[in-house]
PDB file of N, CA and C in Angstrom:
ATOM      1  N   UNK A   1       0.854  -1.174   0.000  1.00  0.00           N
ATOM      2  CA  UNK A   1       0.000   0.000   0.000  1.00  0.00           C
ATOM      3  C   UNK A   1       0.894   1.229   0.000  1.00  0.00           C
ATOM      4  N   UNK A   2       0.560   2.194  -0.826  1.00  0.00           N
ATOM      5  CA  UNK A   2       1.363   3.407  -0.913  1.00  0.00           C
ATOM      6  C   UNK A   2       1.220   4.300   0.305  1.00  0.00           C
ATOM      7  N   UNK A   3      -0.021   4.628   0.670  1.00  0.00           N
ATOM      8  CA  UNK A   3      -0.186   5.556   1.778  1.00  0.00           C
ATOM      9  C   UNK A   3      -1.609   5.659   2.265  1.00  0.00           C
ATOM     10  N   UNK A   4      -1.735   6.409   3.361  1.00  0.00           N
ATOM     11  CA  UNK A   4      -3.034   6.642   3.974  1.00  0.00           C
ATOM     12  C   UNK A   4      -3.168   8.126   4.262  1.00  0.00           C
ATOM     13  N   UNK A   5      -4.308   8.702   3.868  1.00  0.00           N
ATOM     14  CA  UNK A   5      -4.621  10.100   4.144  1.00  0.00           C
ATOM     15  C   UNK A   5      -5.929  10.131   4.916  1.00  0.00           C
ATOM     16  N   UNK A   6      -5.958  10.888   6.015  1.00  0.00           N
ATOM     17  CA  UNK A   6      -7.225  11.023   6.720  1.00  0.00           C
ATOM     18  C   UNK A   6      -7.070  11.474   8.155  1.00  0.00           C
ATOM     19  N   UNK A   7      -8.199  11.749   8.754  1.00  0.00           N
ATOM     20  CA  UNK A   7      -8.226  12.090  10.168  1.00  0.00           C
ATOM     21  C   UNK A   7      -8.172  10.802  10.973  1.00  0.00           C
ATOM     22  N   UNK A   8      -7.152  10.640  11.769  1.00  0.00           N
ATOM     23  CA  UNK A   8      -6.974   9.385  12.496  1.00  0.00           C
ATOM     24  C   UNK A   8      -7.781   9.350  13.796  1.00  0.00           C
ATOM     25  N   UNK A   9      -8.247  10.485  14.247  1.00  0.00           N
ATOM     26  CA  UNK A   9      -9.053  10.585  15.463  1.00  0.00           C
ATOM     27  C   UNK A   9      -8.360   9.933  16.660  1.00  0.00           C
ATOM     28  N   UNK A  10      -7.092  10.264  16.811  1.00  0.00           N
ATOM     29  CA  UNK A  10      -6.280   9.797  17.935  1.00  0.00           C
ATOM     30  C   UNK A  10      -5.731  11.026  18.649  1.00  0.00           C
ATOM     31  N   UNK A  11      -5.922  11.091  19.971  1.00  0.00           N
ATOM     32  CA  UNK A  11      -5.558  12.290  20.715  1.00  0.00           C
ATOM     33  C   UNK A  11      -4.495  12.060  21.776  1.00  0.00           C
ATOM     34  N   UNK A  12      -4.462  10.871  22.354  1.00  0.00           N
ATOM     35  CA  UNK A  12      -3.500  10.569  23.408  1.00  0.00           C
ATOM     36  C   UNK A  12      -2.701   9.334  23.027  1.00  0.00           C
ATOM     37  N   UNK A  13      -1.426   9.335  23.415  1.00  0.00           N
ATOM     38  CA  UNK A  13      -0.592   8.171  23.166  1.00  0.00           C
ATOM     39  C   UNK A  13      -1.017   7.095  24.166  1.00  0.00           C
ATOM     40  N   UNK A  14      -1.631   6.052  23.630  1.00  0.00           N
ATOM     41  CA  UNK A  14      -2.153   4.982  24.473  1.00  0.00           C
ATOM     42  C   UNK A  14      -2.120   3.665  23.701  1.00  0.00           C
ATOM     43  N   UNK A  15      -2.787   2.668  24.243  1.00  0.00           N
ATOM     44  CA  UNK A  15      -2.795   1.345  23.617  1.00  0.00           C
ATOM     45  C   UNK A  15      -3.401   1.383  22.216  1.00  0.00           C
ATOM     46  N   UNK A  16      -4.381   2.235  22.009  1.00  0.00           N
ATOM     47  CA  UNK A  16      -5.003   2.337  20.680  1.00  0.00           C
ATOM     48  C   UNK A  16      -4.000   2.835  19.648  1.00  0.00           C
ATOM     49  N   UNK A  17      -3.138   3.768  20.030  1.00  0.00           N
ATOM     50  CA  UNK A  17      -2.105   4.253  19.109  1.00  0.00           C
ATOM     51  C   UNK A  17      -1.134   3.115  18.788  1.00  0.00           C
ATOM     52  N   UNK A  18      -0.721   2.369  19.803  1.00  0.00           N
ATOM     53  CA  UNK A  18       0.179   1.237  19.570  1.00  0.00           C
ATOM     54  C   UNK A  18      -0.462   0.241  18.610  1.00  0.00           C
ATOM     55  N   UNK A  19      -1.723  -0.078  18.829  1.00  0.00           N
ATOM     56  CA  UNK A  19      -2.419  -1.019  17.946  1.00  0.00           C
ATOM     57  C   UNK A  19      -2.545  -0.474  16.532  1.00  0.00           C
ATOM     58  N   UNK A  20      -2.782   0.816  16.406  1.00  0.00           N
ATOM     59  CA  UNK A  20      -2.889   1.449  15.087  1.00  0.00           C
ATOM     60  C   UNK A  20      -1.560   1.379  14.358  1.00  0.00           C
ATOM     61  N   UNK A  21      -0.464   1.684  15.055  1.00  0.00           N
ATOM     62  CA  UNK A  21       0.872   1.617  14.455  1.00  0.00           C
ATOM     63  C   UNK A  21       1.166   0.181  14.005  1.00  0.00           C
ATOM     64  N   UNK A  22       0.880  -0.784  14.844  1.00  0.00           N
ATOM     65  CA  UNK A  22       1.111  -2.188  14.480  1.00  0.00           C
ATOM     66  C   UNK A  22       0.319  -2.566  13.236  1.00  0.00           C
ATOM     67  N   UNK A  23      -0.929  -2.128  13.181  1.00  0.00           N
ATOM     68  CA  UNK A  23      -1.787  -2.417  12.028  1.00  0.00           C
ATOM     69  C   UNK A  23      -1.212  -1.802  10.756  1.00  0.00           C
ATOM     70  N   UNK A  24      -0.820  -0.527  10.832  1.00  0.00           N
ATOM     71  CA  UNK A  24      -0.273   0.152   9.655  1.00  0.00           C
ATOM     72  C   UNK A  24       1.048  -0.473   9.223  1.00  0.00           C
ATOM     73  N   UNK A  25       1.886  -0.853  10.177  1.00  0.00           N
ATOM     74  CA  UNK A  25       3.151  -1.519   9.854  1.00  0.00           C
ATOM     75  C   UNK A  25       2.913  -2.828   9.124  1.00  0.00           C
ATOM     76  N   UNK A  26       1.871  -3.537   9.489  1.00  0.00           N
ATOM     77  CA  UNK A  26       1.596  -4.835   8.875  1.00  0.00           C
ATOM     78  C   UNK A  26       1.264  -4.709   7.385  1.00  0.00           C
ATOM     79  N   UNK A  27       0.854  -3.513   6.961  1.00  0.00           N
ATOM     80  CA  UNK A  27       0.537  -3.277   5.554  1.00  0.00           C
ATOM     81  C   UNK A  27       1.669  -2.582   4.809  1.00  0.00           C
ATOM     82  N   UNK A  28       2.816  -2.426   5.477  1.00  0.00           N
ATOM     83  CA  UNK A  28       3.991  -1.821   4.855  1.00  0.00           C
ATOM     84  C   UNK A  28       3.657  -0.466   4.210  1.00  0.00           C
ATOM     85  N   UNK A  29       2.985   0.386   4.969  1.00  0.00           N
ATOM     86  CA  UNK A  29       2.593   1.714   4.497  1.00  0.00           C
ATOM     87  C   UNK A  29       3.836   2.536   4.198  1.00  0.00           C
ATOM     88  N   UNK A  30       3.879   3.148   3.037  1.00  0.00           N
ATOM     89  CA  UNK A  30       5.035   3.956   2.641  1.00  0.00           C
ATOM     90  C   UNK A  30       4.965   5.375   3.198  1.00  0.00           C
ATOM     91  N   UNK A  31       3.765   5.976   3.205  1.00  0.00           N
ATOM     92  CA  UNK A  31       3.603   7.355   3.677  1.00  0.00           C
ATOM     93  C   UNK A  31       2.257   7.513   4.364  1.00  0.00           C
ATOM     94  N   UNK A  32       2.280   8.279   5.440  1.00  0.00           N
ATOM     95  CA  UNK A  32       1.056   8.585   6.177  1.00  0.00           C
ATOM     96  C   UNK A  32       0.835  10.087   6.177  1.00  0.00           C
ATOM     97  N   UNK A  33      -0.383  10.492   5.951  1.00  0.00           N
ATOM     98  CA  UNK A  33      -0.774  11.894   5.955  1.00  0.00           C
ATOM     99  C   UNK A  33      -1.889  12.074   6.986  1.00  0.00           C
ATOM    100  N   UNK A  34      -1.551  12.222   8.266  1.00  0.00           N
ATOM    101  CA  UNK A  34      -2.588  12.387   9.282  1.00  0.00           C
ATOM    102  C   UNK A  34      -3.191  13.791   9.220  1.00  0.00           C
ATOM    103  N   UNK A  35      -4.487  13.852   9.069  1.00  0.00           N
ATOM    104  CA  UNK A  35      -5.180  15.139   8.972  1.00  0.00           C
ATOM    105  C   UNK A  35      -5.777  15.496  10.328  1.00  0.00           C
ATOM    106  N   UNK A  36      -6.969  16.065  10.301  1.00  0.00           N
ATOM    107  CA  UNK A  36      -7.651  16.531  11.502  1.00  0.00           C
ATOM    108  C   UNK A  36      -7.754  15.431  12.556  1.00  0.00           C
ATOM    109  N   UNK A  37      -7.928  15.873  13.762  1.00  0.00           N
ATOM    110  CA  UNK A  37      -8.183  14.965  14.888  1.00  0.00           C
ATOM    111  C   UNK A  37      -7.033  13.997  15.158  1.00  0.00           C
ATOM    112  N   UNK A  38      -5.822  14.463  14.945  1.00  0.00           N
ATOM    113  CA  UNK A  38      -4.639  13.689  15.292  1.00  0.00           C
ATOM    114  C   UNK A  38      -3.705  14.630  16.034  1.00  0.00           C
ATOM    115  N   UNK A  39      -3.501  14.393  17.319  1.00  0.00           N
ATOM    116  CA  UNK A  39      -2.694  15.317  18.121  1.00  0.00           C
ATOM    117  C   UNK A  39      -1.222  15.267  17.730  1.00  0.00           C
ATOM    118  N   UNK A  40      -0.497  16.328  18.086  1.00  0.00           N
ATOM    119  CA  UNK A  40       0.936  16.380  17.812  1.00  0.00           C
ATOM    120  C   UNK A  40       1.658  15.229  18.506  1.00  0.00           C
ATOM    121  N   UNK A  41       1.273  14.932  19.741  1.00  0.00           N
ATOM    122  CA  UNK A  41       1.916  13.844  20.491  1.00  0.00           C
ATOM    123  C   UNK A  41       1.741  12.502  19.773  1.00  0.00           C
ATOM    124  N   UNK A  42       0.552  12.264  19.241  1.00  0.00           N
ATOM    125  CA  UNK A  42       0.302  11.024  18.513  1.00  0.00           C
ATOM    126  C   UNK A  42       1.092  11.011  17.214  1.00  0.00           C
ATOM    127  N   UNK A  43       1.121  12.122  16.502  1.00  0.00           N
ATOM    128  CA  UNK A  43       1.918  12.191  15.277  1.00  0.00           C
ATOM    129  C   UNK A  43       3.380  11.877  15.565  1.00  0.00           C
ATOM    130  N   UNK A  44       3.916  12.437  16.644  1.00  0.00           N
ATOM    131  CA  UNK A  44       5.314  12.198  17.015  1.00  0.00           C
ATOM    132  C   UNK A  44       5.537  10.721  17.331  1.00  0.00           C
ATOM    133  N   UNK A  45       4.609  10.112  18.035  1.00  0.00           N
ATOM    134  CA  UNK A  45       4.735   8.692  18.381  1.00  0.00           C
ATOM    135  C   UNK A  45       4.701   7.812  17.134  1.00  0.00           C
ATOM    136  N   UNK A  46       3.789   8.093  16.241  1.00  0.00           N
ATOM    137  CA  UNK A  46       3.698   7.317  14.998  1.00  0.00           C
ATOM    138  C   UNK A  46       4.960   7.510  14.167  1.00  0.00           C
ATOM    139  N   UNK A  47       5.454   8.742  14.123  1.00  0.00           N
ATOM    140  CA  UNK A  47       6.626   9.053  13.293  1.00  0.00           C
ATOM    141  C   UNK A  47       7.889   8.329  13.773  1.00  0.00           C
ATOM    142  N   UNK A  48       7.909   7.908  15.020  1.00  0.00           N
ATOM    143  CA  UNK A  48       9.057   7.139  15.517  1.00  0.00           C
ATOM    144  C   UNK A  48       9.197   5.815  14.764  1.00  0.00           C
ATOM    145  N   UNK A  49       8.084   5.330  14.198  1.00  0.00           N
ATOM    146  CA  UNK A  49       8.058   4.019  13.561  1.00  0.00           C
ATOM    147  C   UNK A  49       7.769   4.090  12.062  1.00  0.00           C
ATOM    148  N   UNK A  50       6.909   5.004  11.674  1.00  0.00           N
ATOM    149  CA  UNK A  50       6.468   5.110  10.284  1.00  0.00           C
ATOM    150  C   UNK A  50       6.669   6.537   9.773  1.00  0.00           C
ATOM    151  N   UNK A  51       6.954   6.694   8.484  1.00  0.00           N
ATOM    152  CA  UNK A  51       7.183   8.033   7.932  1.00  0.00           C
ATOM    153  C   UNK A  51       5.879   8.830   7.804  1.00  0.00           C
ATOM    154  N   UNK A  52       5.831   9.979   8.481  1.00  0.00           N
ATOM    155  CA  UNK A  52       4.675  10.879   8.380  1.00  0.00           C
ATOM    156  C   UNK A  52       4.987  12.022   7.434  1.00  0.00           C
ATOM    157  N   UNK A  53       3.982  12.477   6.753  1.00  0.00           N
ATOM    158  CA  UNK A  53       4.085  13.641   5.882  1.00  0.00           C
ATOM    159  C   UNK A  53       3.113  14.702   6.384  1.00  0.00           C
ATOM    160  N   UNK A  54       3.493  15.954   6.237  1.00  0.00           N
ATOM    161  CA  UNK A  54       2.625  17.052   6.652  1.00  0.00           C
ATOM    162  C   UNK A  54       1.475  17.206   5.667  1.00  0.00           C
ATOM    163  N   UNK A  55       0.322  17.599   6.193  1.00  0.00           N
ATOM    164  CA  UNK A  55      -0.876  17.779   5.386  1.00  0.00           C
ATOM    165  C   UNK A  55      -1.354  19.207   5.553  1.00  0.00           C
ATOM    166  N   UNK A  56      -1.843  19.804   4.475  1.00  0.00           N
ATOM    167  CA  UNK A  56      -2.382  21.154   4.564  1.00  0.00           C
ATOM    168  C   UNK A  56      -3.165  21.522   3.319  1.00  0.00           C
ATOM    169  N   UNK A  57      -3.816  22.656   3.408  1.00  0.00           N
ATOM    170  CA  UNK A  57      -4.603  23.151   2.288  1.00  0.00           C
ATOM    171  C   UNK A  57      -3.694  23.387   1.100  1.00  0.00           C
ATOM    172  N   UNK A  58      -4.107  22.916  -0.075  1.00  0.00           N
ATOM    173  CA  UNK A  58      -3.345  23.114  -1.300  1.00  0.00           C
ATOM    174  C   UNK A  58      -2.286  22.051  -1.548  1.00  0.00           C
ATOM    175  N   UNK A  59      -2.187  21.075  -0.672  1.00  0.00           N
ATOM    176  CA  UNK A  59      -1.202  20.019  -0.833  1.00  0.00           C
ATOM    177  C   UNK A  59      -1.495  19.221  -2.088  1.00  0.00           C
ATOM    178  N   UNK A  60      -0.467  18.950  -2.861  1.00  0.00           N
ATOM    179  CA  UNK A  60      -0.591  18.072  -4.024  1.00  0.00           C
ATOM    180  C   UNK A  60       0.268  16.852  -3.785  1.00  0.00           C
ATOM    181  N   UNK A  61      -0.291  15.700  -4.043  1.00  0.00           N
ATOM    182  CA  UNK A  61       0.432  14.446  -3.888  1.00  0.00           C
ATOM    183  C   UNK A  61       0.530  13.794  -5.260  1.00  0.00           C
ATOM    184  N   UNK A  62       1.735  13.636  -5.728  1.00  0.00           N
ATOM    185  CA  UNK A  62       1.964  13.011  -7.035  1.00  0.00           C
ATOM    186  C   UNK A  62       2.475  11.598  -6.821  1.00  0.00           C
ATOM    187  N   UNK A  63       1.758  10.636  -7.317  1.00  0.00           N
ATOM    188  CA  UNK A  63       2.107   9.221  -7.138  1.00  0.00           C
ATOM    189  C   UNK A  63       2.549   8.612  -8.471  1.00  0.00           C
ATOM    190  N   UNK A  64       3.570   9.164  -9.021  1.00  0.00           N
ATOM    191  CA  UNK A  64       4.062   8.641 -10.291  1.00  0.00           C
ATOM    192  C   UNK A  64       5.304   7.836 -10.091  1.00  0.00           C
TER     193      UNK A  64
END
C-alpha cells in the first residue's frame, strides 16, 4: 500500500495508538498523511516508527 490520508481521530498516546501503528506496519505503508483529529503527540509517536508527511490546504500528492 502506498499511503493513507485522513483524520486518524487519535488524541493521546495509548494502547489504541500502539495497535494502530502495528496495524499500519503490517501493511507496509510507505507514507502517512494524518489530517484533523490527530494530536501532535500522537503524530510524534507514529513518526518514531512510520514516515509521516505534513498535510495542509493546497497540498498536491503526485504518485508517479
